[in-house]
């Protein structure tokens, strides 16, 4: 299996390198591992859904608390 860096994945998925690092650290991308200070990410990894988005629905005040 071939691995690529967080910078390469960031360019491929059009997100920041920091966002890729966060996804790796939180276990959202399967098969990643640390190689020294860098993340090794499988080249065929699939971009996970962004759980920060609310998919266009309005959030009620009662849902915030």
Protein backbone atom coordinates (compact mmCIF):
# COMPACT_ATOMS: atom_id res chain seq x y z
CA UNK A 1 0.00 0.00 0.00
CA UNK A 2 1.26 3.44 -0.93
CA UNK A 3 1.07 6.39 1.45
CA UNK A 4 1.03 10.15 0.89
CA UNK A 5 1.54 13.15 3.15
CA UNK A 6 -1.02 15.44 4.74
CA UNK A 7 0.04 18.22 2.35
CA UNK A 8 -0.65 16.01 -0.68
CA UNK A 9 -4.05 14.95 0.67
CA UNK A 10 -4.93 18.57 1.48
CA UNK A 11 -4.27 19.58 -2.11
CA UNK A 12 -6.17 16.51 -3.44
CA UNK A 13 -9.26 17.17 -1.24
CA UNK A 14 -9.03 20.99 -1.46
CA UNK A 15 -8.85 21.55 2.31
CA UNK A 16 -6.12 22.90 4.58
CA UNK A 17 -3.21 20.79 5.72
CA UNK A 18 -4.17 21.54 9.33
CA UNK A 19 -7.68 20.13 8.72
CA UNK A 20 -6.11 16.90 7.43
CA UNK A 21 -3.90 16.71 10.53
CA UNK A 22 -6.98 17.12 12.75
CA UNK A 23 -8.84 14.39 10.85
CA UNK A 24 -5.85 12.06 11.25
CA UNK A 25 -5.43 12.77 14.96
CA UNK A 26 -9.13 12.21 15.64
CA UNK A 27 -9.17 8.86 13.82
CA UNK A 28 -11.52 10.01 11.04
CA UNK A 29 -9.28 8.68 8.25
CA UNK A 30 -8.73 4.91 8.47
CA UNK A 31 -5.24 3.47 7.99
CA UNK A 32 -3.22 6.54 8.94
CA UNK A 33 -0.17 6.46 11.16
CA UNK A 34 2.48 8.86 12.40
CA UNK A 35 5.89 8.65 10.79
CA UNK A 36 8.00 10.85 13.06
CA UNK A 37 6.24 14.22 13.00
CA UNK A 38 4.37 13.56 9.73
CA UNK A 39 1.18 11.63 9.00
CA UNK A 40 1.25 8.78 6.49
CA UNK A 41 -2.13 8.52 4.79
CA UNK A 42 -3.16 5.74 2.39
CA UNK A 43 -3.30 7.19 -1.14
CA UNK A 44 -6.72 5.63 -1.68
CA UNK A 45 -8.23 7.14 1.52
CA UNK A 46 -11.74 8.51 1.16
CA UNK A 47 -12.53 12.02 2.36
CA UNK A 48 -14.77 11.79 5.46
CA UNK A 49 -17.95 13.84 5.73
CA UNK A 50 -17.60 17.17 7.48
CA UNK A 51 -19.61 16.76 10.70
CA UNK A 52 -19.22 20.47 11.45
CA UNK A 53 -21.84 21.32 8.82
CA UNK A 54 -25.55 21.23 9.63
CA UNK A 55 -26.57 20.40 6.03
CA UNK A 56 -28.55 23.61 5.55
CA UNK A 57 -31.09 23.08 8.33
CA UNK A 58 -31.68 25.81 10.87
CA UNK A 59 -30.58 25.10 14.42
CA UNK A 60 -33.11 26.02 17.07
CA UNK A 61 -32.02 27.75 20.28
CA UNK A 62 -33.12 24.70 22.26
CA UNK A 63 -30.70 22.51 20.23
CA UNK A 64 -27.72 24.68 21.12
CA UNK A 65 -27.88 23.98 24.85
